[in-house]
Amino acid sequence: MRTDPLRPDDPVLADRAAGWRGAYVHIPFCRRVCPYCDFAVVAGRDDLRDRYVEAVVAEIAMAEPFGPLQAVAFGGGTPSRLGASGLGRILEALANRFGLVGGSEVSLEANPEDWTPALAGGLVAAGFTRLSLGAQSFDPVVLGDLGRLHRPADIGRAVGEARRAGFGRINLDLILGSPAESDASWDRTLAAALDCGVDHLSTYALTVERGTALSRAIRAGAPGPDPDVQADRYERALAAAAGAGLVRYETSNHAVPGAACAYNLLTWGGGEYEAFGTAAHGHRDGVRYWNVRRIDRYLERVEAGRRPESGREVIVGADRERERLVLGLRRAAGVIAGSGGRALLASPDGRRLVEAGVLAERGDRLVVARPLLGDEVARAVLALPLPDC
C-alpha cells in the first residue's frame, strides 16, 4: 500500500483513505513540558512507564474487533520515551487484536535528543515504518525560546540514524512564527530541513493556548506570535517545499509522491480509528469518543477492568455532513461536494468565498484554493442550515 505512486494531493488517494481503518495510541511522557504545549502530557513520571504500557495493552484487549488496520500512529507526549521494548509490546497487542494490512504504516513521534542507533534499530525490528521528528527549528535561539532540549545538529544526526536503521518514511515537524524567529532564520530552517533529505514536512504556526506557560508569559508582557508574520512564513514554507519537490496535500503537510502520512489521510478523510491511552480521541461507527485526560485516572480505570472513556458524541445528519466538509476541505484534493457542498455554494458566505478565489469548484469537488483562509471556509460550513436527515 505504501508504494502507491499517486501524488499525495490526488483525489483518488484522498477518497480511498476514507475507507481505511486505523489506531491512535497516546503516550504522555516527556522530559519536560514545552511552554506552548496544552496536550495531555506528564514530565518527571518515568516511574509510571512500565505500568502505562501494561494498561494500554489491557485497554486494547477490551476493544471490540476492528480492522485490519492500514494506519497506526503513536503520538504524545514523546512516544520514544517508552523505548523500543515498550512501544513494540503495544504494537504487538494491536496486531494481535486487530491485524495489520500488508504494507500498513506504523508511525511514531520522537524528539531528536532521545534518538539513538539502538532505539532506531529496535523500533524497525518491532515493526515501525515511519518517524516524525519534533525538529521545530534549526535555529538555537528559536529552539531555546520554544523550550526545546535538542541542538540543531541533533536533527540531521537523528534523520541519518533513522535512515540507516531502515525507516522508510521520515517527517520533520517545524513550528513557525515564534517571536524569536526572523524571516532569515525561518528561511535557514526550511533550507536545513529540506537538506536533510526527508520526504515529508509538517509546518505549524505557534499558537497560544489557555493554561500554558506561553499564555502566562504573554499576559505578563512577553511578546506573542504575530498572525501577519505567521501568514508570510507559511507562504515561504509552501514555496520552499514545492521547490524541493514536496506536494502540499493538507493545510500543514507536504510530501513527495508515495510518502503522504497514512494516518493523516485517514483522519482528514473521515476514516475510522480506535484510540488508546490518556486523552486519546477515536472515531468508530459514527461515534467520536475520547479517554480520560489524567494519567492516574486512566491507570485506575483500566487496572480495574473498566474502559477509560470520558465522553462520546454521535455524529449524524447535518452534523455529519458538516464534519465531512470541514475535514475534507483541509486537503488539497478537497472533497466531493454532495448536498452540503451544494448548499455551501448557494449560501451568501459560499458565494463570497468563491468570488474571492478562496473556494473553488473542480468537477464534482470543492477545494480551498487559498489554504491560509481555510478557517474562514470552515466557519462558513459550520454556519450552514443543513437539514438534519
Protein backbone atom coordinates (compact mmCIF):
# COMPACT_ATOMS: atom_id res chain seq x y z
CA MET A 1 0.00 0.00 0.00
CA ARG A 2 2.75 2.48 0.89
CA THR A 3 4.42 2.18 -2.52
CA ASP A 4 1.36 3.84 -4.11
CA PRO A 5 2.75 6.20 -6.80
CA LEU A 6 -0.20 8.60 -6.61
CA ARG A 7 0.60 12.18 -5.72
CA PRO A 8 -0.38 12.97 -2.13
CA ASP A 9 -2.93 15.53 -3.35
CA ASP A 10 -4.60 13.12 -5.81
CA PRO A 11 -8.38 12.87 -5.18
CA VAL A 12 -8.25 9.11 -5.80
CA LEU A 13 -5.89 8.65 -2.85
CA ALA A 14 -7.88 11.06 -0.68
CA ASP A 15 -11.15 9.22 -1.30
CA ARG A 16 -9.56 5.79 -0.90
CA ALA A 17 -8.27 6.71 2.57
CA ALA A 18 -11.82 7.36 3.78
CA GLY A 19 -12.34 3.60 3.81
CA TRP A 20 -9.20 2.78 5.78
CA ARG A 21 -9.12 1.78 9.42
CA GLY A 22 -6.52 2.80 11.94
CA ALA A 23 -5.49 3.20 15.55
CA TYR A 24 -4.03 6.04 17.58
CA VAL A 25 -2.02 5.46 20.76
CA HIS A 26 -1.26 8.39 23.05
CA ILE A 27 1.99 8.28 25.03
CA PRO A 28 2.01 11.18 27.54
CA PHE A 29 5.59 11.05 28.82
CA CYS A 30 8.00 13.95 28.25
CA ARG A 31 11.35 15.04 29.66
CA ARG A 32 9.71 18.39 30.33
CA VAL A 33 6.61 20.23 29.18
CA CYS A 34 7.18 22.77 26.39
CA PRO A 35 5.82 26.25 27.19
CA TYR A 36 3.32 26.21 24.30
CA CYS A 37 2.01 22.66 24.87
CA ASP A 38 -1.56 22.02 26.03
CA PHE A 39 -1.62 18.30 25.21
CA ALA A 40 -2.16 15.61 27.85
CA VAL A 41 1.46 15.13 28.92
CA VAL A 42 3.40 14.43 32.11
CA ALA A 43 7.02 15.19 32.95
CA GLY A 44 9.09 13.57 35.66
CA ARG A 45 6.90 10.44 35.85
CA ASP A 46 9.10 7.89 34.15
CA ASP A 47 8.33 5.61 37.10
CA LEU A 48 4.90 5.05 35.50
CA ARG A 49 6.13 3.96 32.09
CA ASP A 50 6.00 0.17 32.57
CA ARG A 51 2.64 0.41 34.29
CA TYR A 52 1.31 2.57 31.46
CA VAL A 53 2.43 0.08 28.80
CA GLU A 54 0.56 -2.72 30.55
CA ALA A 55 -2.53 -0.52 30.89
CA VAL A 56 -2.58 0.30 27.17
CA VAL A 57 -2.17 -3.39 26.33
CA ALA A 58 -5.10 -4.15 28.65
CA GLU A 59 -7.22 -1.41 27.06
CA ILE A 60 -6.53 -2.86 23.61
CA ALA A 61 -7.71 -6.26 24.84
CA MET A 62 -11.03 -4.67 25.92
CA ALA A 63 -11.73 -3.24 22.45
CA GLU A 64 -14.25 -4.82 20.10
CA PRO A 65 -12.82 -6.48 16.97
CA PHE A 66 -11.99 -3.86 14.36
CA GLY A 67 -9.70 -3.93 11.40
CA PRO A 68 -7.42 -4.93 9.91
CA LEU A 69 -5.53 -1.66 10.25
CA GLN A 70 -3.96 0.31 7.41
CA ALA A 71 -2.50 3.04 9.64
CA VAL A 72 -1.25 3.17 13.22
CA ALA A 73 0.07 6.33 14.88
CA PHE A 74 1.81 6.76 18.23
CA GLY A 75 1.62 10.39 19.37
CA GLY A 76 2.16 12.32 22.56
CA GLY A 77 3.87 13.48 24.51
CA THR A 78 7.02 11.77 23.37
CA PRO A 79 6.36 8.13 22.41
CA SER A 80 10.06 7.37 22.12
CA ARG A 81 10.32 7.82 25.91
CA LEU A 82 8.86 4.31 26.23
CA GLY A 83 11.76 2.77 24.33
CA ALA A 84 11.58 0.13 21.62
CA SER A 85 10.54 -2.63 24.03
CA GLY A 86 7.51 -0.80 25.44
CA LEU A 87 6.37 0.53 22.07
CA GLY A 88 6.88 -2.86 20.46
CA ARG A 89 4.76 -4.53 23.12
CA ILE A 90 1.87 -2.15 22.41
CA LEU A 91 2.21 -2.59 18.64
CA GLU A 92 2.21 -6.37 19.06
CA ALA A 93 -1.01 -6.11 21.08
CA LEU A 94 -2.63 -4.04 18.31
CA ALA A 95 -1.54 -6.53 15.64
CA ASN A 96 -2.84 -9.48 17.65
CA ARG A 97 -6.18 -7.83 18.40
CA PHE A 98 -6.97 -6.19 15.06
CA GLY A 99 -4.46 -7.38 12.48
CA LEU A 100 -2.34 -5.20 10.22
CA VAL A 101 -2.83 -4.92 6.47
CA GLY A 102 0.25 -5.93 4.49
CA GLY A 103 2.29 -2.77 3.90
CA SER A 104 0.47 -0.88 6.64
CA GLU A 105 2.14 2.24 8.00
CA VAL A 106 3.16 2.41 11.67
CA SER A 107 4.26 5.89 12.68
CA LEU A 108 5.66 7.38 15.86
CA GLU A 109 6.72 10.79 17.09
CA ALA A 110 10.13 11.29 18.68
CA ASN A 111 12.45 14.08 19.77
CA PRO A 112 15.97 14.37 18.34
CA GLU A 113 17.68 14.37 21.75
CA ASP A 114 16.20 10.95 22.59
CA TRP A 115 17.24 9.30 19.33
CA THR A 116 19.99 6.68 19.22
CA PRO A 117 21.01 3.99 16.73
CA ALA A 118 19.92 1.31 19.20
CA LEU A 119 16.46 2.86 19.58
CA ALA A 120 16.09 3.24 15.81
CA GLY A 121 17.07 -0.37 15.15
CA GLY A 122 14.80 -1.68 17.89
CA LEU A 123 11.81 0.22 16.54
CA VAL A 124 12.31 -1.00 12.98
CA ALA A 125 12.65 -4.56 14.26
CA ALA A 126 9.39 -4.10 16.19
CA GLY A 127 7.53 -3.07 13.02
CA PHE A 128 7.64 0.74 12.97
CA THR A 129 7.93 2.16 9.46
CA ARG A 130 7.57 5.94 9.75
CA LEU A 131 9.27 8.50 12.00
CA SER A 132 8.07 12.03 12.74
CA LEU A 133 10.80 14.08 14.43
CA GLY A 134 9.93 17.14 16.50
CA ALA A 135 12.61 19.35 14.95
CA GLN A 136 10.63 22.63 15.28
CA SER A 137 13.60 24.82 14.21
CA PHE A 138 17.24 24.71 13.17
CA ASP A 139 17.95 28.00 14.96
CA PRO A 140 19.35 27.54 18.51
CA VAL A 141 17.81 30.82 19.67
CA VAL A 142 14.36 29.77 18.47
CA LEU A 143 14.77 26.32 19.99
CA GLY A 144 15.55 27.96 23.33
CA ASP A 145 12.53 30.24 23.02
CA LEU A 146 10.35 27.17 22.36
CA GLY A 147 11.79 25.36 25.38
CA ARG A 148 13.28 22.58 23.30
CA LEU A 149 16.17 20.47 24.59
CA HIS A 150 17.93 19.45 21.38
CA ARG A 151 20.53 21.23 19.27
CA PRO A 152 20.18 21.80 15.51
CA ALA A 153 22.90 19.22 14.85
CA ASP A 154 20.84 16.57 16.63
CA ILE A 155 18.17 16.74 13.93
CA GLY A 156 20.34 15.73 10.99
CA ARG A 157 22.03 13.07 13.12
CA ALA A 158 18.66 11.55 14.04
CA VAL A 159 17.46 11.56 10.42
CA GLY A 160 20.62 9.77 9.30
CA GLU A 161 20.36 7.16 12.05
CA ALA A 162 16.70 6.53 11.21
CA ARG A 163 17.52 6.05 7.51
CA ARG A 164 20.36 3.66 8.27
CA ALA A 165 18.13 1.65 10.60
CA GLY A 166 15.56 1.15 7.85
CA PHE A 167 12.81 3.73 8.41
CA GLY A 168 11.15 4.10 5.02
CA ARG A 169 9.42 7.42 5.70
CA ILE A 170 10.71 10.36 7.76
CA ASN A 171 8.92 13.61 8.57
CA LEU A 172 10.15 16.77 10.26
CA ASP A 173 7.75 18.91 12.29
CA LEU A 174 8.50 22.64 12.20
CA ILE A 175 6.91 25.46 14.21
CA LEU A 176 6.68 28.85 12.51
CA GLY A 177 6.11 32.31 13.92
CA SER A 178 7.93 32.27 17.26
CA PRO A 179 8.74 35.84 18.40
CA ALA A 180 12.42 34.80 18.47
CA GLU A 181 12.29 33.85 14.79
CA SER A 182 13.19 36.17 11.91
CA ASP A 183 12.49 35.83 8.21
CA ALA A 184 16.12 34.89 7.69
CA SER A 185 16.17 32.26 10.44
CA TRP A 186 12.94 30.73 9.13
CA ASP A 187 14.39 30.54 5.63
CA ARG A 188 17.51 28.86 7.03
CA THR A 189 15.35 26.39 8.97
CA LEU A 190 13.40 25.46 5.84
CA ALA A 191 16.59 25.02 3.83
CA ALA A 192 18.22 22.90 6.53
CA ALA A 193 15.12 20.73 6.92
CA LEU A 194 14.91 20.05 3.20
CA ASP A 195 18.66 19.43 3.00
CA CYS A 196 18.15 16.52 5.44
CA GLY A 197 16.53 14.62 2.58
CA VAL A 198 13.23 13.94 4.34
CA ASP A 199 10.22 13.00 2.22
CA HIS A 200 7.61 14.73 4.40
CA LEU A 201 7.43 18.14 6.07
CA SER A 202 4.82 19.47 8.51
CA THR A 203 4.70 23.19 9.32
CA TYR A 204 2.55 24.53 12.15
CA ALA A 205 2.03 28.07 13.37
CA LEU A 206 2.88 28.69 17.02
CA THR A 207 -0.45 29.03 18.84
CA VAL A 208 -1.18 30.40 22.29
CA GLU A 209 -3.38 28.02 24.28
CA ARG A 210 -5.02 28.86 27.58
CA GLY A 211 -3.31 27.49 30.66
CA THR A 212 0.12 27.10 29.06
CA ALA A 213 3.34 28.70 30.25
CA LEU A 214 3.41 30.65 26.98
CA SER A 215 -0.01 32.21 27.61
CA ARG A 216 1.02 33.20 31.13
CA ALA A 217 4.23 34.78 29.84
CA ILE A 218 2.33 36.80 27.24
CA ARG A 219 -0.12 38.04 29.87
CA ALA A 220 2.90 39.14 31.89
CA GLY A 221 4.19 41.21 28.97
CA ALA A 222 6.23 38.84 26.81
CA PRO A 223 5.76 39.19 23.02
CA GLY A 224 3.38 36.79 21.33
CA PRO A 225 3.19 35.49 17.75
CA ASP A 226 2.08 37.94 15.04
CA PRO A 227 -0.60 36.44 12.72
CA ASP A 228 0.53 38.52 9.74
CA VAL A 229 4.12 37.40 10.18
CA GLN A 230 2.96 33.80 10.53
CA ALA A 231 0.98 34.08 7.29
CA ASP A 232 4.08 35.24 5.45
CA ARG A 233 6.18 32.45 6.97
CA TYR A 234 3.54 29.92 5.91
CA GLU A 235 3.75 31.17 2.31
CA ARG A 236 7.54 30.87 2.46
CA ALA A 237 7.15 27.27 3.62
CA LEU A 238 4.79 26.47 0.74
CA ALA A 239 7.28 27.84 -1.78
CA ALA A 240 10.29 26.09 -0.23
CA ALA A 241 8.56 22.72 -0.02
CA ALA A 242 7.27 22.94 -3.59
CA GLY A 243 10.73 23.92 -4.81
CA ALA A 244 12.12 20.74 -3.23
CA GLY A 245 9.51 18.53 -4.92
CA LEU A 246 7.17 18.13 -1.94
CA VAL A 247 3.45 18.46 -2.66
CA ARG A 248 1.08 20.10 -0.18
CA TYR A 249 -1.71 17.59 0.45
CA GLU A 250 -3.23 19.10 3.61
CA THR A 251 -3.12 22.55 5.18
CA SER A 252 0.12 21.89 7.09
CA ASN A 253 1.56 18.79 5.40
CA HIS A 254 3.79 18.28 2.37
CA ALA A 255 5.17 15.04 0.91
CA VAL A 256 6.78 13.51 -2.14
CA PRO A 257 4.58 11.06 -4.09
CA GLY A 258 4.05 7.88 -2.11
CA ALA A 259 5.10 9.45 1.21
CA ALA A 260 1.89 11.05 2.48
CA CYS A 261 1.19 10.04 6.08
CA ALA A 262 -1.42 7.27 6.02
CA TYR A 263 -2.86 8.27 9.39
CA ASN A 264 -3.25 11.88 8.20
CA LEU A 265 -5.05 10.73 5.07
CA LEU A 266 -7.34 8.51 7.13
CA THR A 267 -8.34 11.14 9.70
CA TRP A 268 -8.91 14.02 7.28
CA GLY A 269 -10.83 11.64 5.02
CA GLY A 270 -13.26 10.75 7.79
CA GLY A 271 -11.97 7.20 8.20
CA GLU A 272 -12.44 5.19 11.38
CA TYR A 273 -9.80 4.67 14.05
CA GLU A 274 -9.65 3.29 17.56
CA ALA A 275 -7.91 5.28 20.29
CA PHE A 276 -5.89 4.13 23.28
CA GLY A 277 -4.16 5.92 26.13
CA THR A 278 -4.79 9.13 28.04
CA ALA A 279 -6.93 11.75 26.27
CA ALA A 280 -6.86 9.74 23.03
CA HIS A 281 -9.71 10.50 20.60
CA GLY A 282 -11.26 7.85 18.37
CA HIS A 283 -13.92 7.59 15.65
CA ARG A 284 -15.93 4.44 15.02
CA ASP A 285 -19.41 3.62 13.71
CA GLY A 286 -20.42 7.29 13.57
CA VAL A 287 -19.32 7.95 17.15
CA ARG A 288 -16.44 10.14 18.28
CA TYR A 289 -15.15 9.31 21.74
CA TRP A 290 -12.30 10.34 24.00
CA ASN A 291 -10.49 8.95 27.02
CA VAL A 292 -9.86 10.49 30.44
CA ARG A 293 -7.03 13.01 30.41
CA ARG A 294 -5.29 12.43 33.74
CA ILE A 295 -2.84 9.53 33.82
CA ASP A 296 -3.77 8.49 37.37
CA ARG A 297 -7.46 8.18 36.45
CA TYR A 298 -6.59 6.35 33.26
CA LEU A 299 -4.49 3.79 35.12
CA GLU A 300 -7.08 3.34 37.87
CA ARG A 301 -9.89 2.66 35.40
CA VAL A 302 -8.02 0.26 33.16
CA GLU A 303 -6.47 -1.63 36.06
CA ALA A 304 -9.99 -2.05 37.48
CA GLY A 305 -11.08 -3.63 34.19
CA ARG A 306 -13.07 -0.59 33.02
CA ARG A 307 -12.88 1.27 29.73
CA PRO A 308 -11.24 4.69 30.27
CA GLU A 309 -13.69 6.55 28.05
CA SER A 310 -14.52 10.06 29.30
CA GLY A 311 -17.14 11.10 26.75
CA ARG A 312 -18.66 10.45 23.35
CA GLU A 313 -20.64 12.19 20.65
CA VAL A 314 -22.83 10.61 17.98
CA ILE A 315 -22.26 12.37 14.64
CA VAL A 316 -25.36 12.06 12.43
CA GLY A 317 -27.38 14.01 9.90
CA ALA A 318 -26.38 17.63 9.36
CA ASP A 319 -23.51 17.42 11.83
CA ARG A 320 -22.01 14.51 9.93
CA GLU A 321 -22.22 16.37 6.63
CA ARG A 322 -20.65 19.50 8.13
CA GLU A 323 -17.83 17.42 9.59
CA ARG A 324 -17.23 15.71 6.25
CA LEU A 325 -16.82 19.09 4.59
CA VAL A 326 -14.68 20.68 7.30
CA LEU A 327 -12.28 17.74 7.41
CA GLY A 328 -12.20 17.14 3.67
CA LEU A 329 -11.61 20.77 2.76
CA ARG A 330 -8.36 20.76 4.72
CA ARG A 331 -6.97 18.50 1.98
CA ALA A 332 -5.56 19.90 -1.24
CA ALA A 333 -7.70 17.31 -3.05
CA GLY A 334 -10.79 18.82 -1.45
CA VAL A 335 -13.99 16.88 -1.09
CA ILE A 336 -16.87 15.66 -3.25
CA ALA A 337 -19.41 18.46 -2.99
CA GLY A 338 -22.50 16.43 -2.11
CA SER A 339 -25.61 18.06 -0.66
CA GLY A 340 -23.66 20.06 1.91
CA GLY A 341 -21.20 21.38 -0.65
CA ARG A 342 -24.00 22.49 -2.96
CA ALA A 343 -25.67 24.24 -0.02
CA LEU A 344 -22.39 25.98 0.76
CA LEU A 345 -22.01 27.22 -2.82
CA ALA A 346 -25.57 28.57 -2.75
CA SER A 347 -25.13 30.38 0.57
CA PRO A 348 -24.12 34.06 0.83
CA ASP A 349 -20.85 33.09 2.55
CA GLY A 350 -20.13 30.46 -0.08
CA ARG A 351 -20.73 32.84 -2.98
CA ARG A 352 -18.48 35.43 -1.33
CA LEU A 353 -15.70 32.87 -0.84
CA VAL A 354 -15.95 31.76 -4.49
CA GLU A 355 -15.82 35.36 -5.71
CA ALA A 356 -12.75 35.98 -3.53
CA GLY A 357 -10.98 32.97 -5.01
CA VAL A 358 -10.87 31.17 -1.65
CA LEU A 359 -13.29 28.37 -2.53
CA ALA A 360 -13.35 26.72 -5.95
CA GLU A 361 -15.25 24.02 -7.85
CA ARG A 362 -13.20 21.43 -9.71
CA GLY A 363 -15.53 19.00 -11.41
CA ASP A 364 -17.66 17.41 -8.71
CA ARG A 365 -15.27 18.53 -5.96
CA LEU A 366 -14.83 21.58 -3.77
CA VAL A 367 -11.33 22.76 -2.88
CA VAL A 368 -9.88 25.57 -0.80
CA ALA A 369 -7.70 27.44 -3.29
CA ARG A 370 -6.16 29.72 -0.66
CA PRO A 371 -5.25 27.48 2.29
CA LEU A 372 -4.35 30.40 4.54
CA LEU A 373 -8.07 31.22 4.62
CA GLY A 374 -9.22 27.68 5.30
CA ASP A 375 -10.54 28.62 8.74
CA GLU A 376 -12.89 31.11 7.10
CA VAL A 377 -14.29 28.32 4.93
CA ALA A 378 -14.72 26.08 7.97
CA ARG A 379 -16.71 28.80 9.77
CA ALA A 380 -18.99 29.13 6.74
CA VAL A 381 -19.58 25.36 6.70
CA LEU A 382 -20.38 25.23 10.41
CA ALA A 383 -22.94 28.03 9.96
CA LEU A 384 -24.81 26.21 7.18
CA PRO A 385 -28.50 25.49 7.99
CA LEU A 386 -28.48 21.94 6.64
CA PRO A 387 -31.46 19.58 7.01
CA ASP A 388 -30.98 17.08 9.85
CA CYS A 389 -31.78 13.90 7.96
